[in-house]
Amino acid sequence: MVDYDQFVVDDGRHEPQIVIDGDASAAAGEAQHRALCSCGRLPPHRPGTPQQAWAAYAAHARRCLGPASQPASRVSLGMRVTLLFLGCMVLWGAGWIGAVSVASTLDLAGAADLAVRAAGLLVGFASAGLLMVAMRRFIAPMRADG
């Protein structure tokens, strides 16, 4: 039995569709299913049961969705996550240090000092979040929900 939710792909280019092949169904006398992929590169396969169609799509997804890139594939997932975490901490720290230096350069005190430091924290967190979004394909190119 094939797990139908085995491949949920983040990039949006590989959306599965299981359709009934009219010609094959008429010839066989029962519904024959075929898998299609939104990328348009699913190789032709024989129509069959829904499980066979999902198996054909799963084989296509495994072929198309290997490691994100060669450099990332040589590095373990734990190391990639650690590097992402360190990059986020560097961006957060840069936002904090920038805010502290701006506050001290302008000789701010009280509420203005707190506002500048809070803005620096927000800028650091926002830039770290953008880094995570930009690097998600290199960290985990696909998500298996099964």
N, C-alpha and C. Protein backbone atom coordinates (compact mmCIF):
# COMPACT_ATOMS: atom_id res chain seq x y z
N MET A 1 0.84 -1.18 0.00
CA MET A 1 0.00 0.00 0.00
C MET A 1 0.88 1.24 0.00
N VAL A 2 0.58 2.17 -0.84
CA VAL A 2 1.36 3.40 -0.97
C VAL A 2 0.75 4.47 -0.07
N ASP A 3 1.59 5.16 0.68
CA ASP A 3 1.14 6.27 1.51
C ASP A 3 0.91 7.47 0.59
N TYR A 4 -0.35 7.91 0.48
CA TYR A 4 -0.70 8.96 -0.47
C TYR A 4 -0.07 10.29 -0.13
N ASP A 5 0.25 10.55 1.13
CA ASP A 5 0.84 11.82 1.53
C ASP A 5 2.35 11.71 1.70
N GLN A 6 2.96 10.75 1.04
CA GLN A 6 4.38 10.52 1.24
C GLN A 6 5.22 11.69 0.77
N PHE A 7 4.82 12.32 -0.33
CA PHE A 7 5.62 13.41 -0.87
C PHE A 7 4.79 14.67 -0.95
N VAL A 8 5.03 15.58 -0.04
CA VAL A 8 4.45 16.91 -0.10
C VAL A 8 5.63 17.83 -0.37
N VAL A 9 5.63 18.46 -1.52
CA VAL A 9 6.80 19.17 -2.00
C VAL A 9 6.63 20.66 -1.74
N ASP A 10 7.67 21.27 -1.17
CA ASP A 10 7.60 22.69 -0.83
C ASP A 10 7.71 23.62 -2.03
N ASP A 11 8.36 23.20 -3.08
CA ASP A 11 8.63 24.15 -4.16
C ASP A 11 7.42 24.44 -5.03
N GLY A 12 6.36 23.66 -4.95
CA GLY A 12 5.15 23.93 -5.71
C GLY A 12 5.23 23.53 -7.17
N ARG A 13 6.34 22.98 -7.62
CA ARG A 13 6.47 22.57 -9.02
C ARG A 13 6.04 21.13 -9.24
N HIS A 14 5.86 20.37 -8.19
CA HIS A 14 5.52 18.96 -8.33
C HIS A 14 4.24 18.66 -7.57
N GLU A 15 3.12 19.03 -8.16
CA GLU A 15 1.82 18.76 -7.56
C GLU A 15 1.23 17.53 -8.26
N PRO A 16 0.95 16.46 -7.50
CA PRO A 16 0.43 15.25 -8.15
C PRO A 16 -1.04 15.38 -8.50
N GLN A 17 -1.42 14.71 -9.58
CA GLN A 17 -2.82 14.57 -9.97
C GLN A 17 -3.01 13.12 -10.39
N ILE A 18 -4.02 12.49 -9.83
CA ILE A 18 -4.37 11.13 -10.24
C ILE A 18 -5.65 11.24 -11.05
N VAL A 19 -5.58 10.85 -12.32
CA VAL A 19 -6.72 10.97 -13.22
C VAL A 19 -7.09 9.60 -13.75
N ILE A 20 -8.31 9.50 -14.22
CA ILE A 20 -8.77 8.25 -14.83
C ILE A 20 -8.52 8.34 -16.33
N ASP A 21 -7.81 7.36 -16.85
CA ASP A 21 -7.49 7.29 -18.27
C ASP A 21 -8.70 6.69 -18.99
N GLY A 22 -9.36 7.51 -19.79
CA GLY A 22 -10.59 7.07 -20.46
C GLY A 22 -10.38 5.94 -21.44
N ASP A 23 -9.34 6.01 -22.27
CA ASP A 23 -9.09 4.98 -23.26
C ASP A 23 -8.76 3.65 -22.60
N ALA A 24 -7.87 3.69 -21.62
CA ALA A 24 -7.48 2.45 -20.94
C ALA A 24 -8.65 1.89 -20.14
N SER A 25 -9.48 2.75 -19.57
CA SER A 25 -10.63 2.28 -18.80
C SER A 25 -11.64 1.59 -19.70
N ALA A 26 -11.85 2.15 -20.90
CA ALA A 26 -12.79 1.53 -21.83
C ALA A 26 -12.27 0.18 -22.29
N ALA A 27 -10.97 0.09 -22.52
CA ALA A 27 -10.40 -1.18 -22.98
C ALA A 27 -10.41 -2.23 -21.88
N ALA A 28 -10.18 -1.82 -20.64
CA ALA A 28 -10.10 -2.78 -19.54
C ALA A 28 -11.46 -3.09 -18.93
N GLY A 29 -12.42 -2.21 -19.13
CA GLY A 29 -13.74 -2.44 -18.56
C GLY A 29 -13.86 -1.97 -17.12
N GLU A 30 -12.84 -1.37 -16.59
CA GLU A 30 -12.88 -0.80 -15.24
C GLU A 30 -11.99 0.44 -15.22
N ALA A 31 -12.13 1.24 -14.19
CA ALA A 31 -11.38 2.49 -14.11
C ALA A 31 -9.88 2.23 -14.02
N GLN A 32 -9.14 2.86 -14.90
CA GLN A 32 -7.68 2.78 -14.90
C GLN A 32 -7.13 4.17 -14.60
N HIS A 33 -6.28 4.24 -13.61
CA HIS A 33 -5.76 5.52 -13.13
C HIS A 33 -4.35 5.77 -13.65
N ARG A 34 -4.06 7.04 -13.86
CA ARG A 34 -2.74 7.46 -14.32
C ARG A 34 -2.33 8.68 -13.48
N ALA A 35 -1.05 8.76 -13.17
CA ALA A 35 -0.53 9.90 -12.40
C ALA A 35 -0.02 10.96 -13.35
N LEU A 36 -0.26 12.21 -12.99
CA LEU A 36 0.28 13.35 -13.71
C LEU A 36 0.98 14.24 -12.69
N CYS A 37 1.95 15.00 -13.15
CA CYS A 37 2.66 15.93 -12.28
C CYS A 37 2.61 17.31 -12.91
N SER A 38 2.50 18.33 -12.08
CA SER A 38 2.40 19.69 -12.60
C SER A 38 3.67 20.15 -13.30
N CYS A 39 4.79 19.47 -13.08
CA CYS A 39 6.03 19.85 -13.77
C CYS A 39 6.01 19.42 -15.23
N GLY A 40 5.15 18.46 -15.58
CA GLY A 40 5.05 17.99 -16.95
C GLY A 40 6.14 17.03 -17.36
N ARG A 41 6.93 16.53 -16.43
CA ARG A 41 8.06 15.66 -16.77
C ARG A 41 7.89 14.24 -16.25
N LEU A 42 6.71 13.89 -15.80
CA LEU A 42 6.48 12.53 -15.33
C LEU A 42 6.53 11.60 -16.53
N PRO A 43 7.42 10.60 -16.52
CA PRO A 43 7.53 9.72 -17.68
C PRO A 43 6.24 8.91 -17.87
N PRO A 44 5.96 8.52 -19.10
CA PRO A 44 4.75 7.74 -19.35
C PRO A 44 4.79 6.41 -18.58
N HIS A 45 3.65 6.01 -18.10
CA HIS A 45 3.56 4.74 -17.38
C HIS A 45 2.22 4.11 -17.70
N ARG A 46 2.11 2.82 -17.43
CA ARG A 46 0.88 2.11 -17.72
C ARG A 46 -0.20 2.49 -16.73
N PRO A 47 -1.42 2.72 -17.20
CA PRO A 47 -2.51 3.00 -16.26
C PRO A 47 -2.81 1.76 -15.43
N GLY A 48 -3.28 1.97 -14.23
CA GLY A 48 -3.60 0.85 -13.36
C GLY A 48 -4.44 1.32 -12.19
N THR A 49 -4.21 0.71 -11.05
CA THR A 49 -4.96 1.07 -9.85
C THR A 49 -4.47 2.41 -9.31
N PRO A 50 -5.23 3.03 -8.42
CA PRO A 50 -4.74 4.28 -7.82
C PRO A 50 -3.41 4.09 -7.10
N GLN A 51 -3.21 2.94 -6.48
CA GLN A 51 -1.95 2.69 -5.79
C GLN A 51 -0.78 2.65 -6.77
N GLN A 52 -1.00 2.05 -7.94
CA GLN A 52 0.06 2.02 -8.95
C GLN A 52 0.36 3.42 -9.48
N ALA A 53 -0.68 4.23 -9.63
CA ALA A 53 -0.47 5.61 -10.09
C ALA A 53 0.33 6.40 -9.05
N TRP A 54 -0.01 6.22 -7.76
CA TRP A 54 0.74 6.91 -6.71
C TRP A 54 2.18 6.41 -6.65
N ALA A 55 2.37 5.12 -6.88
CA ALA A 55 3.73 4.58 -6.89
C ALA A 55 4.54 5.18 -8.03
N ALA A 56 3.91 5.38 -9.19
CA ALA A 56 4.61 6.00 -10.32
C ALA A 56 4.97 7.45 -9.99
N TYR A 57 4.06 8.17 -9.34
CA TYR A 57 4.36 9.54 -8.96
C TYR A 57 5.47 9.58 -7.91
N ALA A 58 5.42 8.65 -6.95
CA ALA A 58 6.45 8.62 -5.90
C ALA A 58 7.83 8.37 -6.50
N ALA A 59 7.90 7.48 -7.49
CA ALA A 59 9.19 7.22 -8.15
C ALA A 59 9.67 8.48 -8.87
N HIS A 60 8.76 9.19 -9.51
CA HIS A 60 9.11 10.45 -10.18
C HIS A 60 9.61 11.47 -9.16
N ALA A 61 8.91 11.59 -8.04
CA ALA A 61 9.30 12.56 -7.02
C ALA A 61 10.67 12.23 -6.44
N ARG A 62 10.94 10.95 -6.23
CA ARG A 62 12.26 10.56 -5.71
C ARG A 62 13.37 10.92 -6.69
N ARG A 63 13.11 10.75 -7.99
CA ARG A 63 14.12 11.09 -8.99
C ARG A 63 14.34 12.59 -9.07
N CYS A 64 13.26 13.35 -9.05
CA CYS A 64 13.37 14.81 -9.24
C CYS A 64 13.81 15.55 -7.99
N LEU A 65 13.55 15.00 -6.84
CA LEU A 65 13.73 15.76 -5.61
C LEU A 65 14.84 15.18 -4.75
N GLY A 66 15.99 15.09 -5.31
CA GLY A 66 17.14 14.63 -4.54
C GLY A 66 17.64 15.75 -3.65
N PRO A 67 18.87 15.67 -3.23
CA PRO A 67 19.44 16.76 -2.43
C PRO A 67 19.39 18.08 -3.19
N ALA A 68 19.30 19.17 -2.47
CA ALA A 68 19.09 20.48 -3.07
C ALA A 68 20.22 20.88 -4.01
N SER A 69 21.44 20.66 -3.61
CA SER A 69 22.58 21.00 -4.46
C SER A 69 23.77 20.16 -4.02
N GLN A 70 24.77 20.12 -4.83
CA GLN A 70 25.93 19.29 -4.50
C GLN A 70 26.62 19.72 -3.21
N PRO A 71 26.89 21.00 -2.98
CA PRO A 71 27.56 21.35 -1.72
C PRO A 71 26.71 20.98 -0.50
N ALA A 72 25.40 21.19 -0.58
CA ALA A 72 24.55 20.87 0.57
C ALA A 72 24.46 19.37 0.78
N SER A 73 24.53 18.59 -0.30
CA SER A 73 24.38 17.15 -0.14
C SER A 73 25.61 16.54 0.53
N ARG A 74 26.74 17.22 0.49
CA ARG A 74 27.93 16.70 1.15
C ARG A 74 27.95 17.02 2.63
N VAL A 75 27.05 17.88 3.06
CA VAL A 75 26.98 18.29 4.46
C VAL A 75 25.72 17.68 5.06
N SER A 76 25.84 17.13 6.25
CA SER A 76 24.69 16.48 6.88
C SER A 76 23.61 17.51 7.23
N LEU A 77 22.41 17.01 7.43
CA LEU A 77 21.29 17.90 7.76
C LEU A 77 21.54 18.64 9.06
N GLY A 78 22.08 17.95 10.05
CA GLY A 78 22.37 18.60 11.33
C GLY A 78 23.36 19.75 11.18
N MET A 79 24.36 19.56 10.33
CA MET A 79 25.35 20.62 10.11
C MET A 79 24.71 21.79 9.37
N ARG A 80 23.83 21.50 8.39
CA ARG A 80 23.16 22.58 7.67
C ARG A 80 22.28 23.40 8.60
N VAL A 81 21.56 22.73 9.51
CA VAL A 81 20.72 23.44 10.46
C VAL A 81 21.58 24.26 11.42
N THR A 82 22.71 23.70 11.84
CA THR A 82 23.62 24.42 12.73
C THR A 82 24.17 25.67 12.05
N LEU A 83 24.56 25.54 10.79
CA LEU A 83 25.06 26.70 10.05
C LEU A 83 23.98 27.76 9.87
N LEU A 84 22.75 27.32 9.62
CA LEU A 84 21.64 28.27 9.51
C LEU A 84 21.43 28.99 10.84
N PHE A 85 21.48 28.25 11.94
CA PHE A 85 21.31 28.85 13.27
C PHE A 85 22.41 29.88 13.53
N LEU A 86 23.64 29.52 13.21
CA LEU A 86 24.74 30.47 13.43
C LEU A 86 24.58 31.72 12.56
N GLY A 87 24.15 31.54 11.33
CA GLY A 87 23.91 32.69 10.46
C GLY A 87 22.82 33.59 11.01
N CYS A 88 21.76 32.98 11.54
CA CYS A 88 20.68 33.77 12.15
C CYS A 88 21.17 34.52 13.37
N MET A 89 22.00 33.88 14.17
CA MET A 89 22.53 34.55 15.36
C MET A 89 23.45 35.71 14.98
N VAL A 90 24.22 35.54 13.91
CA VAL A 90 25.08 36.64 13.45
C VAL A 90 24.23 37.83 13.01
N LEU A 91 23.16 37.56 12.27
CA LEU A 91 22.29 38.65 11.83
C LEU A 91 21.59 39.32 13.01
N TRP A 92 21.13 38.53 13.95
CA TRP A 92 20.48 39.10 15.14
C TRP A 92 21.49 39.94 15.93
N GLY A 93 22.69 39.41 16.10
CA GLY A 93 23.72 40.15 16.82
C GLY A 93 24.11 41.44 16.11
N ALA A 94 24.16 41.39 14.78
CA ALA A 94 24.49 42.60 14.03
C ALA A 94 23.40 43.66 14.21
N GLY A 95 22.15 43.24 14.23
CA GLY A 95 21.07 44.19 14.47
C GLY A 95 21.16 44.80 15.86
N TRP A 96 21.48 43.97 16.85
CA TRP A 96 21.59 44.46 18.22
C TRP A 96 22.78 45.41 18.37
N ILE A 97 23.93 45.02 17.84
CA ILE A 97 25.13 45.86 17.95
C ILE A 97 24.91 47.18 17.21
N GLY A 98 24.28 47.11 16.05
CA GLY A 98 23.98 48.34 15.31
C GLY A 98 23.07 49.26 16.09
N ALA A 99 22.07 48.69 16.74
CA ALA A 99 21.14 49.52 17.52
C ALA A 99 21.84 50.14 18.72
N VAL A 100 22.69 49.38 19.40
CA VAL A 100 23.41 49.91 20.55
C VAL A 100 24.37 51.02 20.12
N SER A 101 25.04 50.82 18.99
CA SER A 101 25.98 51.85 18.54
C SER A 101 25.24 53.11 18.10
N VAL A 102 24.08 52.96 17.47
CA VAL A 102 23.30 54.14 17.08
C VAL A 102 22.82 54.88 18.33
N ALA A 103 22.35 54.12 19.32
CA ALA A 103 21.86 54.76 20.55
C ALA A 103 22.98 55.49 21.28
N SER A 104 24.16 54.90 21.30
CA SER A 104 25.26 55.57 22.01
C SER A 104 25.82 56.74 21.20
N THR A 105 25.83 56.63 19.87
CA THR A 105 26.32 57.73 19.03
C THR A 105 25.42 58.95 19.15
N LEU A 106 24.12 58.71 19.22
CA LEU A 106 23.17 59.82 19.31
C LEU A 106 22.92 60.25 20.76
N ASP A 107 23.58 59.63 21.70
CA ASP A 107 23.42 59.93 23.13
C ASP A 107 21.95 59.88 23.55
N LEU A 108 21.29 58.79 23.15
CA LEU A 108 19.88 58.64 23.50
C LEU A 108 19.75 58.10 24.92
N ALA A 109 18.66 58.44 25.56
CA ALA A 109 18.40 57.94 26.91
C ALA A 109 16.90 57.72 27.05
N GLY A 110 16.55 56.88 27.99
CA GLY A 110 15.14 56.66 28.31
C GLY A 110 14.39 55.91 27.23
N ALA A 111 13.22 56.43 26.89
CA ALA A 111 12.34 55.76 25.94
C ALA A 111 12.93 55.71 24.53
N ALA A 112 13.65 56.75 24.14
CA ALA A 112 14.26 56.76 22.81
C ALA A 112 15.32 55.67 22.69
N ASP A 113 16.10 55.49 23.74
CA ASP A 113 17.12 54.43 23.75
C ASP A 113 16.47 53.06 23.64
N LEU A 114 15.42 52.85 24.42
CA LEU A 114 14.71 51.56 24.36
C LEU A 114 14.08 51.33 22.99
N ALA A 115 13.54 52.38 22.39
CA ALA A 115 12.91 52.23 21.08
C ALA A 115 13.94 51.86 20.01
N VAL A 116 15.11 52.48 20.06
CA VAL A 116 16.15 52.17 19.07
C VAL A 116 16.64 50.74 19.27
N ARG A 117 16.83 50.33 20.51
CA ARG A 117 17.29 48.96 20.76
C ARG A 117 16.23 47.94 20.35
N ALA A 118 14.97 48.24 20.61
CA ALA A 118 13.89 47.34 20.19
C ALA A 118 13.83 47.25 18.67
N ALA A 119 14.02 48.38 18.00
CA ALA A 119 14.04 48.37 16.54
C ALA A 119 15.21 47.53 16.02
N GLY A 120 16.35 47.62 16.68
CA GLY A 120 17.50 46.80 16.29
C GLY A 120 17.22 45.32 16.46
N LEU A 121 16.55 44.96 17.56
CA LEU A 121 16.17 43.55 17.74
C LEU A 121 15.22 43.08 16.65
N LEU A 122 14.24 43.92 16.33
CA LEU A 122 13.28 43.55 15.28
C LEU A 122 13.95 43.42 13.92
N VAL A 123 14.87 44.31 13.62
CA VAL A 123 15.60 44.22 12.35
C VAL A 123 16.43 42.94 12.31
N GLY A 124 17.07 42.61 13.43
CA GLY A 124 17.85 41.37 13.49
C GLY A 124 16.99 40.14 13.32
N PHE A 125 15.84 40.10 14.01
CA PHE A 125 14.95 38.95 13.88
C PHE A 125 14.36 38.86 12.47
N ALA A 126 14.01 40.00 11.89
CA ALA A 126 13.46 39.99 10.53
C ALA A 126 14.49 39.52 9.52
N SER A 127 15.72 39.98 9.64
CA SER A 127 16.74 39.53 8.69
C SER A 127 17.07 38.06 8.89
N ALA A 128 17.03 37.57 10.13
CA ALA A 128 17.24 36.14 10.37
C ALA A 128 16.09 35.33 9.77
N GLY A 129 14.88 35.83 9.89
CA GLY A 129 13.74 35.15 9.28
C GLY A 129 13.84 35.10 7.77
N LEU A 130 14.28 36.20 7.17
CA LEU A 130 14.47 36.21 5.72
C LEU A 130 15.57 35.24 5.29
N LEU A 131 16.61 35.13 6.10
CA LEU A 131 17.66 34.15 5.80
C LEU A 131 17.09 32.73 5.84
N MET A 132 16.25 32.44 6.82
CA MET A 132 15.66 31.10 6.90
C MET A 132 14.79 30.81 5.69
N VAL A 133 14.01 31.79 5.26
CA VAL A 133 13.16 31.59 4.09
C VAL A 133 14.01 31.39 2.84
N ALA A 134 15.08 32.16 2.72
CA ALA A 134 15.93 32.05 1.54
C ALA A 134 16.69 30.72 1.50
N MET A 135 17.03 30.17 2.64
CA MET A 135 17.84 28.96 2.69
C MET A 135 17.03 27.68 2.85
N ARG A 136 15.70 27.76 2.89
CA ARG A 136 14.92 26.56 3.18
C ARG A 136 15.11 25.46 2.15
N ARG A 137 15.32 25.80 0.90
CA ARG A 137 15.52 24.76 -0.12
C ARG A 137 16.84 24.04 0.04
N PHE A 138 17.82 24.70 0.63
CA PHE A 138 19.11 24.06 0.85
C PHE A 138 19.12 23.25 2.14
N ILE A 139 18.30 23.63 3.09
CA ILE A 139 18.25 22.91 4.36
C ILE A 139 17.44 21.64 4.20
N ALA A 140 16.23 21.75 3.71
CA ALA A 140 15.35 20.59 3.54
C ALA A 140 14.58 20.76 2.24
N PRO A 141 15.07 20.18 1.14
CA PRO A 141 14.45 20.41 -0.15
C PRO A 141 13.05 19.85 -0.29
N MET A 142 12.67 18.89 0.52
CA MET A 142 11.30 18.38 0.49
C MET A 142 10.90 17.97 1.88
N ARG A 143 9.60 17.88 2.08
CA ARG A 143 9.06 17.53 3.39
C ARG A 143 8.27 16.24 3.23
N ALA A 144 8.60 15.23 4.01
CA ALA A 144 7.85 13.97 3.98
C ALA A 144 6.88 13.98 5.16
N ASP A 145 5.60 13.97 4.86
CA ASP A 145 4.59 13.99 5.91
C ASP A 145 4.16 12.58 6.30
N GLY A 146 4.64 11.59 5.64
CA GLY A 146 4.15 10.24 5.87
C GLY A 146 4.80 9.52 6.98
